[in-house]
N, C-alpha and C. Protein backbone atom coordinates (compact mmCIF):
# COMPACT_ATOMS: atom_id res chain seq x y z
N MET A 1 -17.29 -14.48 -15.14
CA MET A 1 -16.11 -13.63 -15.54
C MET A 1 -16.63 -12.17 -15.25
N ASP A 2 -17.83 -11.75 -15.45
CA ASP A 2 -18.33 -10.50 -15.09
C ASP A 2 -18.07 -10.11 -13.77
N ASN A 3 -18.38 -10.97 -12.79
CA ASN A 3 -18.14 -10.73 -11.36
C ASN A 3 -16.66 -10.56 -11.17
N PHE A 4 -15.78 -11.36 -11.90
CA PHE A 4 -14.37 -11.03 -11.64
C PHE A 4 -13.98 -9.73 -12.26
N THR A 5 -14.41 -9.38 -13.31
CA THR A 5 -14.12 -8.12 -13.91
C THR A 5 -14.65 -6.94 -13.20
N PHE A 6 -15.71 -7.06 -12.51
CA PHE A 6 -16.27 -5.99 -11.68
C PHE A 6 -15.39 -5.81 -10.51
N TYR A 7 -14.90 -6.88 -9.86
CA TYR A 7 -14.17 -6.77 -8.60
C TYR A 7 -12.79 -6.39 -8.96
N PHE A 8 -12.24 -6.84 -10.13
CA PHE A 8 -10.97 -6.48 -10.66
C PHE A 8 -10.87 -5.02 -10.67
N GLY A 9 -11.94 -4.39 -11.26
CA GLY A 9 -11.94 -2.93 -11.49
C GLY A 9 -11.94 -2.29 -10.09
N ILE A 10 -12.76 -2.74 -9.16
CA ILE A 10 -12.78 -2.09 -7.90
C ILE A 10 -11.46 -2.07 -7.22
N GLY A 11 -10.78 -3.27 -7.39
CA GLY A 11 -9.34 -3.34 -6.77
C GLY A 11 -8.40 -2.42 -7.43
N TRP A 12 -8.55 -2.24 -8.73
CA TRP A 12 -7.65 -1.34 -9.61
C TRP A 12 -8.05 0.10 -9.11
N GLU A 13 -9.32 0.56 -8.93
CA GLU A 13 -9.47 1.87 -8.57
C GLU A 13 -9.10 2.03 -7.12
N HIS A 14 -9.19 1.12 -6.31
CA HIS A 14 -8.78 1.19 -4.89
C HIS A 14 -7.46 1.63 -4.76
N ILE A 15 -6.54 1.42 -5.80
CA ILE A 15 -5.15 1.89 -5.66
C ILE A 15 -4.86 3.12 -6.55
N ILE A 16 -5.48 3.06 -7.85
CA ILE A 16 -5.29 4.10 -8.82
C ILE A 16 -5.92 5.45 -8.55
N SER A 17 -7.25 5.26 -8.09
CA SER A 17 -7.99 6.52 -7.81
C SER A 17 -7.33 7.66 -6.84
N LEU A 18 -7.58 8.82 -7.22
CA LEU A 18 -7.18 9.98 -6.26
C LEU A 18 -7.70 9.86 -4.85
N ASP A 19 -8.90 9.01 -4.79
CA ASP A 19 -9.61 8.91 -3.46
C ASP A 19 -8.71 7.87 -2.68
N ALA A 20 -7.63 7.21 -3.33
CA ALA A 20 -6.82 6.32 -2.69
C ALA A 20 -5.44 6.84 -2.32
N LEU A 21 -5.46 8.18 -2.04
CA LEU A 21 -4.23 8.89 -1.76
C LEU A 21 -3.42 8.11 -0.72
N ASP A 22 -4.04 7.80 0.48
CA ASP A 22 -3.42 7.08 1.51
C ASP A 22 -2.59 5.78 0.89
N HIS A 23 -3.27 4.98 0.13
CA HIS A 23 -2.60 3.86 -0.42
C HIS A 23 -1.52 4.21 -1.38
N LEU A 24 -1.67 5.23 -2.12
CA LEU A 24 -0.64 5.77 -3.03
C LEU A 24 0.52 6.26 -2.29
N LEU A 25 0.19 7.11 -1.24
CA LEU A 25 1.39 7.53 -0.43
C LEU A 25 2.16 6.30 0.31
N PHE A 26 1.50 5.34 0.70
CA PHE A 26 2.11 4.12 1.30
C PHE A 26 3.02 3.45 0.31
N ILE A 27 2.47 3.17 -1.01
CA ILE A 27 3.22 2.62 -1.96
C ILE A 27 4.44 3.38 -2.38
N LEU A 28 4.20 4.65 -2.39
CA LEU A 28 5.28 5.72 -2.75
C LEU A 28 6.48 5.56 -1.74
N VAL A 29 6.15 5.76 -0.35
CA VAL A 29 7.15 5.71 0.65
C VAL A 29 7.73 4.29 0.72
N LEU A 30 7.15 3.32 0.61
CA LEU A 30 7.60 1.83 0.74
C LEU A 30 8.63 1.64 -0.41
N SER A 31 8.23 2.21 -1.55
CA SER A 31 9.11 1.97 -2.80
C SER A 31 10.26 2.88 -2.81
N ALA A 32 10.29 3.98 -2.24
CA ALA A 32 11.36 5.09 -2.31
C ALA A 32 12.70 4.73 -2.23
N ILE A 33 12.95 3.60 -1.57
CA ILE A 33 14.45 3.05 -1.33
C ILE A 33 14.92 2.14 -2.40
N TYR A 34 14.10 1.95 -3.36
CA TYR A 34 14.47 0.99 -4.57
C TYR A 34 14.67 1.78 -5.76
N LEU A 35 15.48 1.04 -6.46
CA LEU A 35 15.74 1.54 -7.88
C LEU A 35 15.29 0.48 -8.97
N VAL A 36 15.37 1.02 -10.27
CA VAL A 36 14.91 0.02 -11.32
C VAL A 36 15.54 -1.42 -11.16
N GLU A 37 16.81 -1.46 -10.87
CA GLU A 37 17.48 -2.79 -10.83
C GLU A 37 16.92 -3.69 -9.58
N ASN A 38 16.13 -3.06 -8.80
CA ASN A 38 15.61 -3.82 -7.77
C ASN A 38 14.16 -4.22 -7.92
N TRP A 39 13.75 -4.27 -9.20
CA TRP A 39 12.35 -4.45 -9.47
C TRP A 39 11.68 -5.71 -8.93
N LYS A 40 12.52 -6.88 -9.00
CA LYS A 40 12.01 -8.09 -8.40
C LYS A 40 11.69 -8.05 -6.92
N LYS A 41 12.53 -7.34 -6.23
CA LYS A 41 12.35 -7.00 -4.82
C LYS A 41 10.97 -6.26 -4.61
N VAL A 42 10.82 -5.14 -5.48
CA VAL A 42 9.57 -4.44 -5.30
C VAL A 42 8.36 -5.27 -5.64
N LEU A 43 8.43 -6.09 -6.54
CA LEU A 43 7.47 -6.97 -6.93
C LEU A 43 6.88 -7.81 -5.59
N ILE A 44 7.81 -8.37 -4.94
CA ILE A 44 7.78 -9.12 -3.80
C ILE A 44 7.06 -8.31 -2.68
N LEU A 45 7.64 -7.11 -2.56
CA LEU A 45 7.12 -6.01 -1.57
C LEU A 45 5.69 -5.71 -1.78
N VAL A 46 5.20 -5.51 -3.04
CA VAL A 46 3.78 -5.09 -3.28
C VAL A 46 2.95 -6.51 -3.12
N THR A 47 3.61 -7.54 -3.33
CA THR A 47 2.73 -8.74 -3.13
C THR A 47 2.66 -9.03 -1.71
N ALA A 48 3.67 -8.71 -0.88
CA ALA A 48 3.46 -8.82 0.56
C ALA A 48 2.35 -7.96 1.13
N PHE A 49 2.31 -6.81 0.57
CA PHE A 49 1.21 -5.75 1.02
C PHE A 49 -0.15 -6.47 0.54
N THR A 50 -0.33 -6.94 -0.57
CA THR A 50 -1.44 -7.42 -1.15
C THR A 50 -1.77 -8.61 -0.22
N ILE A 51 -0.91 -9.41 0.22
CA ILE A 51 -1.33 -10.65 0.95
C ILE A 51 -1.88 -10.13 2.36
N GLY A 52 -1.10 -9.17 2.95
CA GLY A 52 -1.70 -8.61 4.23
C GLY A 52 -3.00 -8.04 3.98
N HIS A 53 -3.21 -7.16 3.02
CA HIS A 53 -4.53 -6.71 2.74
C HIS A 53 -5.60 -7.78 2.57
N SER A 54 -5.37 -8.89 1.80
CA SER A 54 -6.19 -9.92 1.49
C SER A 54 -6.68 -10.70 2.65
N VAL A 55 -5.79 -10.95 3.66
CA VAL A 55 -6.07 -11.67 4.81
C VAL A 55 -7.06 -10.95 5.72
N THR A 56 -6.98 -9.65 5.83
CA THR A 56 -7.98 -8.83 6.55
C THR A 56 -9.21 -8.78 5.79
N LEU A 57 -9.22 -8.68 4.56
CA LEU A 57 -10.46 -8.63 3.73
C LEU A 57 -11.19 -9.99 3.98
N VAL A 58 -10.53 -11.15 3.88
CA VAL A 58 -11.08 -12.33 3.89
C VAL A 58 -11.85 -12.51 5.30
N LEU A 59 -10.94 -12.18 6.35
CA LEU A 59 -11.51 -12.40 7.64
C LEU A 59 -12.70 -11.41 8.03
N SER A 60 -12.66 -10.27 7.55
CA SER A 60 -13.76 -9.31 7.78
C SER A 60 -14.93 -9.78 6.95
N THR A 61 -14.82 -10.15 5.66
CA THR A 61 -15.81 -10.55 4.83
C THR A 61 -16.64 -11.77 5.39
N LEU A 62 -15.84 -12.67 6.00
CA LEU A 62 -16.33 -13.90 6.67
C LEU A 62 -16.95 -13.51 8.14
N ASP A 63 -16.92 -12.19 8.45
CA ASP A 63 -17.28 -11.84 9.59
C ASP A 63 -16.79 -12.40 10.93
N ILE A 64 -15.37 -12.68 10.70
CA ILE A 64 -14.69 -13.38 11.78
C ILE A 64 -13.99 -12.27 12.61
N ILE A 65 -13.75 -11.16 12.02
CA ILE A 65 -13.25 -9.92 12.79
C ILE A 65 -13.86 -8.54 12.18
N ARG A 66 -14.00 -7.61 13.14
CA ARG A 66 -14.55 -6.39 12.83
C ARG A 66 -13.69 -5.36 13.32
N PHE A 67 -13.71 -4.01 12.84
CA PHE A 67 -13.00 -3.05 13.16
C PHE A 67 -13.71 -1.72 13.25
N ASN A 68 -13.21 -0.96 14.34
CA ASN A 68 -13.74 0.37 14.33
C ASN A 68 -13.17 1.25 13.25
N SER A 69 -13.98 1.65 12.49
CA SER A 69 -13.62 2.39 11.21
C SER A 69 -12.93 3.70 11.47
N ALA A 70 -13.30 4.35 12.46
CA ALA A 70 -12.61 5.59 12.85
C ALA A 70 -11.11 5.30 13.23
N TRP A 71 -10.90 4.33 14.01
CA TRP A 71 -9.39 3.91 14.39
C TRP A 71 -8.71 3.52 13.10
N VAL A 72 -9.37 2.68 12.23
CA VAL A 72 -8.55 2.22 11.07
C VAL A 72 -8.27 3.38 10.14
N GLU A 73 -9.29 4.26 9.99
CA GLU A 73 -8.82 5.38 9.13
C GLU A 73 -7.82 6.32 9.66
N PHE A 74 -7.62 6.22 11.08
CA PHE A 74 -6.37 6.82 11.60
C PHE A 74 -5.03 6.10 11.48
N LEU A 75 -5.21 4.79 11.63
CA LEU A 75 -4.05 3.95 11.71
C LEU A 75 -3.44 3.83 10.16
N ILE A 76 -4.36 3.87 9.10
CA ILE A 76 -3.66 3.85 7.75
C ILE A 76 -2.67 4.87 7.62
N PRO A 77 -2.98 6.16 7.75
CA PRO A 77 -1.92 7.25 7.46
C PRO A 77 -0.80 7.21 8.50
N LEU A 78 -1.14 6.61 9.68
CA LEU A 78 -0.03 6.33 10.69
C LEU A 78 0.85 5.23 10.23
N THR A 79 0.53 4.35 9.48
CA THR A 79 1.50 3.36 8.93
C THR A 79 2.36 3.96 7.85
N ILE A 80 1.94 5.02 7.18
CA ILE A 80 2.78 5.75 6.24
C ILE A 80 3.75 6.62 6.92
N VAL A 81 3.31 7.29 8.04
CA VAL A 81 4.24 8.07 8.81
C VAL A 81 5.40 7.19 9.36
N ILE A 82 5.03 5.90 9.89
CA ILE A 82 5.98 5.09 10.43
C ILE A 82 7.02 4.61 9.33
N THR A 83 6.54 4.29 8.09
CA THR A 83 7.31 3.85 6.98
C THR A 83 8.33 4.95 6.66
N ALA A 84 7.72 6.29 6.56
CA ALA A 84 8.50 7.36 6.25
C ALA A 84 9.55 7.63 7.18
N LEU A 85 9.28 7.48 8.50
CA LEU A 85 10.31 7.66 9.49
C LEU A 85 11.48 6.48 9.46
N THR A 86 10.96 5.27 9.08
CA THR A 86 12.00 4.40 9.00
C THR A 86 12.89 4.59 7.70
N ASN A 87 12.39 5.22 6.80
CA ASN A 87 13.28 5.64 5.64
C ASN A 87 14.31 6.74 6.11
N LEU A 88 13.73 7.64 6.90
CA LEU A 88 14.53 8.79 7.26
C LEU A 88 15.53 8.37 8.44
N LEU A 89 15.19 7.60 9.38
CA LEU A 89 16.02 7.36 10.50
C LEU A 89 16.96 6.16 10.39
N LYS A 90 16.57 5.20 9.36
CA LYS A 90 17.33 4.08 9.20
C LYS A 90 17.96 4.06 7.91
N PRO A 91 18.86 5.00 7.66
CA PRO A 91 19.17 4.95 6.07
C PRO A 91 20.12 3.80 5.86
N GLY A 92 20.28 3.58 4.54
CA GLY A 92 21.05 2.50 4.00
C GLY A 92 20.19 1.67 3.23
N PHE A 93 20.95 0.75 2.46
CA PHE A 93 20.19 -0.04 1.38
C PHE A 93 20.79 -1.36 1.44
N SER A 94 21.06 -1.93 2.62
CA SER A 94 21.63 -3.25 2.85
C SER A 94 20.47 -4.26 2.68
N PRO A 95 20.83 -5.54 2.41
CA PRO A 95 19.73 -6.45 2.35
C PRO A 95 18.91 -6.63 3.70
N ALA A 96 19.57 -6.41 4.84
CA ALA A 96 18.79 -6.45 6.01
C ALA A 96 17.79 -5.29 6.03
N ARG A 97 18.28 -4.18 5.71
CA ARG A 97 17.30 -2.93 5.77
C ARG A 97 16.15 -3.18 4.82
N LEU A 98 16.43 -3.70 3.63
CA LEU A 98 15.45 -3.95 2.69
C LEU A 98 14.32 -4.89 3.16
N ARG A 99 14.96 -6.03 4.02
CA ARG A 99 13.97 -6.96 4.46
C ARG A 99 12.92 -6.30 5.46
N VAL A 100 13.41 -5.34 6.00
CA VAL A 100 12.41 -4.66 7.12
C VAL A 100 11.24 -4.20 6.34
N ASN A 101 11.45 -3.72 5.12
CA ASN A 101 10.27 -3.21 4.28
C ASN A 101 9.31 -4.38 3.86
N TYR A 102 9.71 -5.62 3.82
CA TYR A 102 8.80 -6.69 3.44
C TYR A 102 8.03 -6.92 4.65
N PHE A 103 8.47 -6.80 5.96
CA PHE A 103 7.61 -6.92 7.17
C PHE A 103 6.75 -5.76 7.23
N LEU A 104 7.19 -4.57 6.92
CA LEU A 104 6.30 -3.41 6.96
C LEU A 104 5.09 -3.57 6.00
N ALA A 105 5.41 -3.97 4.87
CA ALA A 105 4.50 -4.11 3.75
C ALA A 105 3.36 -5.07 4.21
N LEU A 106 3.75 -6.27 4.74
CA LEU A 106 2.90 -7.43 5.19
C LEU A 106 1.96 -7.04 6.38
N VAL A 107 2.63 -6.30 7.38
CA VAL A 107 1.86 -6.00 8.50
C VAL A 107 0.88 -4.81 8.37
N PHE A 108 1.42 -3.82 7.45
CA PHE A 108 0.69 -2.63 7.38
C PHE A 108 -0.40 -2.88 6.28
N GLY A 109 -0.10 -3.85 5.43
CA GLY A 109 -1.13 -4.40 4.45
C GLY A 109 -2.40 -4.84 5.25
N LEU A 110 -2.11 -5.54 6.42
CA LEU A 110 -3.30 -5.93 7.18
C LEU A 110 -4.09 -4.78 7.69
N ILE A 111 -3.41 -3.76 8.09
CA ILE A 111 -4.16 -2.51 8.48
C ILE A 111 -4.92 -1.76 7.31
N HIS A 112 -4.22 -1.70 6.28
CA HIS A 112 -4.82 -1.15 5.03
C HIS A 112 -6.08 -1.89 4.60
N GLY A 113 -5.99 -3.09 4.73
CA GLY A 113 -7.04 -4.01 4.29
C GLY A 113 -8.43 -3.84 5.24
N MET A 114 -8.00 -3.38 6.40
CA MET A 114 -9.22 -3.00 7.30
C MET A 114 -10.03 -1.87 6.75
N GLY A 115 -9.31 -0.98 6.15
CA GLY A 115 -9.99 0.21 5.66
C GLY A 115 -11.02 -0.22 4.57
N PHE A 116 -10.97 -1.28 3.86
CA PHE A 116 -11.86 -1.50 2.73
C PHE A 116 -12.71 -2.57 3.17
N ALA A 117 -12.46 -3.15 4.19
CA ALA A 117 -13.06 -4.40 4.72
C ALA A 117 -14.59 -4.29 4.86
N ASN A 118 -14.98 -3.14 5.47
CA ASN A 118 -16.53 -3.03 5.74
C ASN A 118 -17.26 -2.83 4.39
N THR A 119 -16.64 -1.95 3.40
CA THR A 119 -17.10 -1.67 2.17
C THR A 119 -17.39 -3.01 1.41
N ILE A 120 -16.26 -3.84 1.29
CA ILE A 120 -16.53 -5.09 0.57
C ILE A 120 -17.54 -6.05 1.12
N ARG A 121 -17.55 -5.97 2.46
CA ARG A 121 -18.54 -6.99 3.05
C ARG A 121 -19.82 -6.55 2.74
N PHE A 122 -20.28 -5.44 2.61
CA PHE A 122 -21.56 -4.88 2.34
C PHE A 122 -21.89 -5.14 0.80
N MET A 123 -20.79 -5.28 -0.02
CA MET A 123 -21.00 -5.41 -1.44
C MET A 123 -21.28 -6.83 -1.80
N LEU A 124 -20.76 -7.63 -0.95
CA LEU A 124 -20.91 -9.21 -1.20
C LEU A 124 -22.32 -9.79 -0.47
N SER A 125 -23.05 -10.47 -1.14
CA SER A 125 -24.25 -11.10 -0.39
C SER A 125 -23.76 -12.28 0.30
N LYS A 126 -24.70 -12.66 1.20
CA LYS A 126 -24.33 -13.80 2.20
C LYS A 126 -24.07 -15.14 1.31
N SER A 127 -24.85 -15.30 0.25
CA SER A 127 -24.93 -16.52 -0.35
C SER A 127 -23.82 -16.39 -1.54
N GLN A 128 -23.15 -15.38 -1.83
CA GLN A 128 -22.17 -15.28 -2.90
C GLN A 128 -20.85 -15.90 -2.60
N ASP A 129 -20.41 -16.55 -3.61
CA ASP A 129 -18.93 -17.34 -3.54
C ASP A 129 -18.14 -16.10 -3.23
N LEU A 130 -17.20 -16.23 -2.37
CA LEU A 130 -16.16 -15.10 -2.02
C LEU A 130 -14.95 -15.24 -2.83
N LEU A 131 -14.59 -16.50 -3.38
CA LEU A 131 -13.43 -16.60 -4.13
C LEU A 131 -13.19 -15.77 -5.25
N VAL A 132 -14.13 -15.70 -6.20
CA VAL A 132 -14.13 -14.89 -7.50
C VAL A 132 -13.96 -13.38 -7.09
N PRO A 133 -14.81 -12.95 -6.26
CA PRO A 133 -14.82 -11.35 -5.84
C PRO A 133 -13.54 -11.01 -5.28
N LEU A 134 -13.11 -11.80 -4.23
CA LEU A 134 -11.86 -11.46 -3.64
C LEU A 134 -10.62 -11.62 -4.49
N LEU A 135 -10.68 -12.70 -5.31
CA LEU A 135 -9.52 -12.92 -6.24
C LEU A 135 -9.51 -11.58 -7.14
N GLY A 136 -10.62 -11.42 -7.77
CA GLY A 136 -10.65 -10.24 -8.74
C GLY A 136 -10.16 -8.89 -8.13
N PHE A 137 -10.68 -8.67 -6.78
CA PHE A 137 -10.28 -7.42 -6.07
C PHE A 137 -8.89 -7.48 -5.97
N ASN A 138 -8.21 -8.50 -5.42
CA ASN A 138 -6.81 -8.56 -5.07
C ASN A 138 -5.95 -8.46 -6.27
N LEU A 139 -6.31 -9.18 -7.30
CA LEU A 139 -5.62 -9.08 -8.65
C LEU A 139 -5.51 -7.53 -9.22
N GLY A 140 -6.63 -7.04 -9.08
CA GLY A 140 -6.94 -5.55 -9.53
C GLY A 140 -6.07 -4.59 -8.73
N LEU A 141 -6.03 -4.75 -7.33
CA LEU A 141 -5.15 -4.16 -6.49
C LEU A 141 -3.61 -4.27 -6.85
N GLU A 142 -3.32 -5.57 -7.03
CA GLU A 142 -2.04 -5.92 -7.36
C GLU A 142 -1.49 -5.21 -8.64
N ALA A 143 -2.36 -5.33 -9.66
CA ALA A 143 -2.05 -4.68 -10.98
C ALA A 143 -1.84 -3.19 -10.89
N GLY A 144 -2.80 -2.69 -10.08
CA GLY A 144 -2.79 -1.07 -9.92
C GLY A 144 -1.25 -0.83 -9.16
N GLN A 145 -1.08 -1.54 -8.09
CA GLN A 145 0.33 -1.33 -7.42
C GLN A 145 1.54 -1.57 -8.40
N ILE A 146 1.33 -2.45 -9.22
CA ILE A 146 2.58 -2.71 -10.07
C ILE A 146 2.67 -1.41 -11.06
N VAL A 147 1.64 -0.88 -11.38
CA VAL A 147 1.67 0.18 -12.33
C VAL A 147 2.27 1.38 -11.59
N VAL A 148 1.79 1.63 -10.31
CA VAL A 148 2.24 2.66 -9.57
C VAL A 148 3.74 2.57 -9.27
N VAL A 149 4.15 1.37 -8.90
CA VAL A 149 5.71 1.12 -8.60
C VAL A 149 6.48 1.29 -9.75
N THR A 150 5.98 0.82 -10.90
CA THR A 150 6.68 1.03 -12.17
C THR A 150 6.96 2.48 -12.48
N LEU A 151 6.02 3.31 -12.16
CA LEU A 151 6.06 4.72 -12.40
C LEU A 151 7.08 5.32 -11.44
N ILE A 152 7.07 4.86 -10.28
CA ILE A 152 7.99 5.40 -9.18
C ILE A 152 9.46 4.98 -9.51
N LEU A 153 9.70 3.63 -9.97
CA LEU A 153 10.98 3.21 -10.45
C LEU A 153 11.43 3.95 -11.58
N LEU A 154 10.56 4.28 -12.51
CA LEU A 154 11.12 5.08 -13.76
C LEU A 154 11.37 6.33 -13.29
N LEU A 155 10.72 6.98 -12.40
CA LEU A 155 11.08 8.36 -11.97
C LEU A 155 12.40 8.29 -11.20
N ALA A 156 12.58 7.25 -10.40
CA ALA A 156 13.84 7.12 -9.76
C ALA A 156 14.95 6.95 -10.65
N TRP A 157 14.80 6.16 -11.75
CA TRP A 157 15.71 5.99 -12.71
C TRP A 157 16.17 7.38 -13.33
N ALA A 158 15.14 8.11 -13.74
CA ALA A 158 15.31 9.43 -14.47
C ALA A 158 16.13 10.28 -13.38
N VAL A 159 15.75 10.39 -12.12
CA VAL A 159 16.20 11.31 -11.26
C VAL A 159 17.58 10.95 -10.71
N VAL A 160 17.62 9.78 -10.17
CA VAL A 160 18.93 9.25 -9.65
C VAL A 160 20.01 8.81 -10.63
N THR A 161 19.56 7.97 -11.56
CA THR A 161 20.46 7.36 -12.57
C THR A 161 20.90 8.35 -13.67
N ARG A 162 19.91 8.97 -14.25
CA ARG A 162 20.11 9.87 -15.36
C ARG A 162 20.68 11.31 -14.92
N LEU A 163 19.89 11.84 -14.00
CA LEU A 163 20.31 13.26 -13.47
C LEU A 163 21.28 13.22 -12.39
N GLY A 164 21.60 12.23 -11.78
CA GLY A 164 22.69 12.03 -10.88
C GLY A 164 22.42 12.54 -9.45
N LEU A 165 21.11 12.68 -9.20
CA LEU A 165 20.83 12.95 -7.69
C LEU A 165 21.15 11.76 -6.82
N PRO A 166 22.04 12.11 -5.86
CA PRO A 166 22.27 10.94 -4.87
C PRO A 166 21.17 10.21 -4.39
N ARG A 167 21.14 8.99 -4.36
CA ARG A 167 20.01 8.12 -4.00
C ARG A 167 19.49 8.59 -2.67
N LYS A 168 20.41 8.81 -1.63
CA LYS A 168 19.84 9.13 -0.25
C LYS A 168 18.91 10.49 -0.28
N TYR A 169 19.38 11.47 -1.17
CA TYR A 169 18.56 12.59 -1.32
C TYR A 169 17.10 12.31 -1.90
N TRP A 170 17.03 11.26 -2.85
CA TRP A 170 15.90 10.93 -3.43
C TRP A 170 14.96 10.24 -2.37
N VAL A 171 15.51 9.40 -1.64
CA VAL A 171 14.83 8.68 -0.62
C VAL A 171 14.38 9.69 0.45
N TRP A 172 15.22 10.61 0.96
CA TRP A 172 14.91 11.60 1.97
C TRP A 172 13.78 12.47 1.33
N GLY A 173 13.96 12.95 0.26
CA GLY A 173 12.83 13.93 -0.39
C GLY A 173 11.54 13.21 -0.44
N LEU A 174 11.44 11.99 -0.95
CA LEU A 174 10.10 11.37 -1.11
C LEU A 174 9.63 10.98 0.41
N SER A 175 10.48 10.68 1.19
CA SER A 175 10.03 10.23 2.60
C SER A 175 9.54 11.38 3.41
N ALA A 176 10.28 12.48 3.30
CA ALA A 176 9.89 13.65 4.11
C ALA A 176 8.59 14.36 3.57
N GLY A 177 8.51 14.40 2.32
CA GLY A 177 7.21 14.94 1.72
C GLY A 177 6.01 14.07 2.01
N THR A 178 6.28 12.64 1.94
CA THR A 178 5.18 11.77 2.36
C THR A 178 4.89 11.79 3.84
N LEU A 179 5.85 11.95 4.56
CA LEU A 179 5.57 12.13 6.04
C LEU A 179 4.74 13.36 6.36
N LEU A 180 5.04 14.42 5.84
CA LEU A 180 4.22 15.60 6.00
C LEU A 180 2.79 15.49 5.71
N VAL A 181 2.64 15.01 4.56
CA VAL A 181 1.33 14.81 4.08
C VAL A 181 0.48 13.72 4.95
N SER A 182 0.98 12.64 5.24
CA SER A 182 0.56 11.61 6.08
C SER A 182 0.31 12.01 7.48
N ALA A 183 1.27 12.86 8.15
CA ALA A 183 1.04 13.34 9.47
C ALA A 183 -0.08 14.26 9.44
N TRP A 184 -0.41 15.00 8.40
CA TRP A 184 -1.61 16.01 8.27
C TRP A 184 -2.77 15.13 8.27
N ILE A 185 -2.81 14.03 7.47
CA ILE A 185 -4.01 13.21 7.33
C ILE A 185 -4.28 12.59 8.69
N CYS A 186 -3.25 12.19 9.40
CA CYS A 186 -3.41 11.67 10.81
C CYS A 186 -4.14 12.55 11.70
N VAL A 187 -3.72 13.82 11.73
CA VAL A 187 -4.30 14.80 12.44
C VAL A 187 -5.73 15.03 12.09
N GLN A 188 -6.01 15.10 10.81
CA GLN A 188 -7.42 15.24 10.37
C GLN A 188 -8.31 13.97 10.88
N ARG A 189 -7.66 12.86 10.86
CA ARG A 189 -8.50 11.60 11.15
C ARG A 189 -8.39 11.18 12.69
N LEU A 190 -7.78 11.92 13.35
CA LEU A 190 -7.56 11.56 14.85
C LEU A 190 -8.90 11.29 15.51
N PRO A 191 -9.23 9.99 15.97
CA PRO A 191 -10.45 9.58 16.47
C PRO A 191 -10.64 10.01 17.94
N ILE A 192 -11.01 11.41 18.13
CA ILE A 192 -11.23 11.79 19.51
C ILE A 192 -12.66 12.37 19.60
């Protein structure tokens, strides 16, 4: 249980910490198009991200795949830029539009998982059972994402539902702000 708790804490900090700005920005822009009444869809969304993240972690931890960390660190904010652009250029809240987010969450989760893969590989010994640490980490990550998404949905409820800001302006504001910050991070991490 101590091992599970340790890795749960690492997963939690991986999303909640200010050092996790890129993950927080991704969850923010991914969740921007949803309102409180869409909470089930958002849970599926963050779970899709965690699944993608988990696949990469498992493959990397088993040393099946390796990544150039400089490119991964560039690709992570690029996924945020793409998601923000999707929100800005493909307006609307139709079921088909919302399904695009599930795909983005899963695929971009694979890329985000690459960012932590090298770190967790070094933390685990060769003889250590991978199930408990990876389960703990991923459940900690999922719990942190649920907290972040809950805060975003509550803020959306306050701003859109209670204050009456049109939903499209809420989405555009969050997406544009996230786009600018993420584009700046891309420029800083450009692997040249």
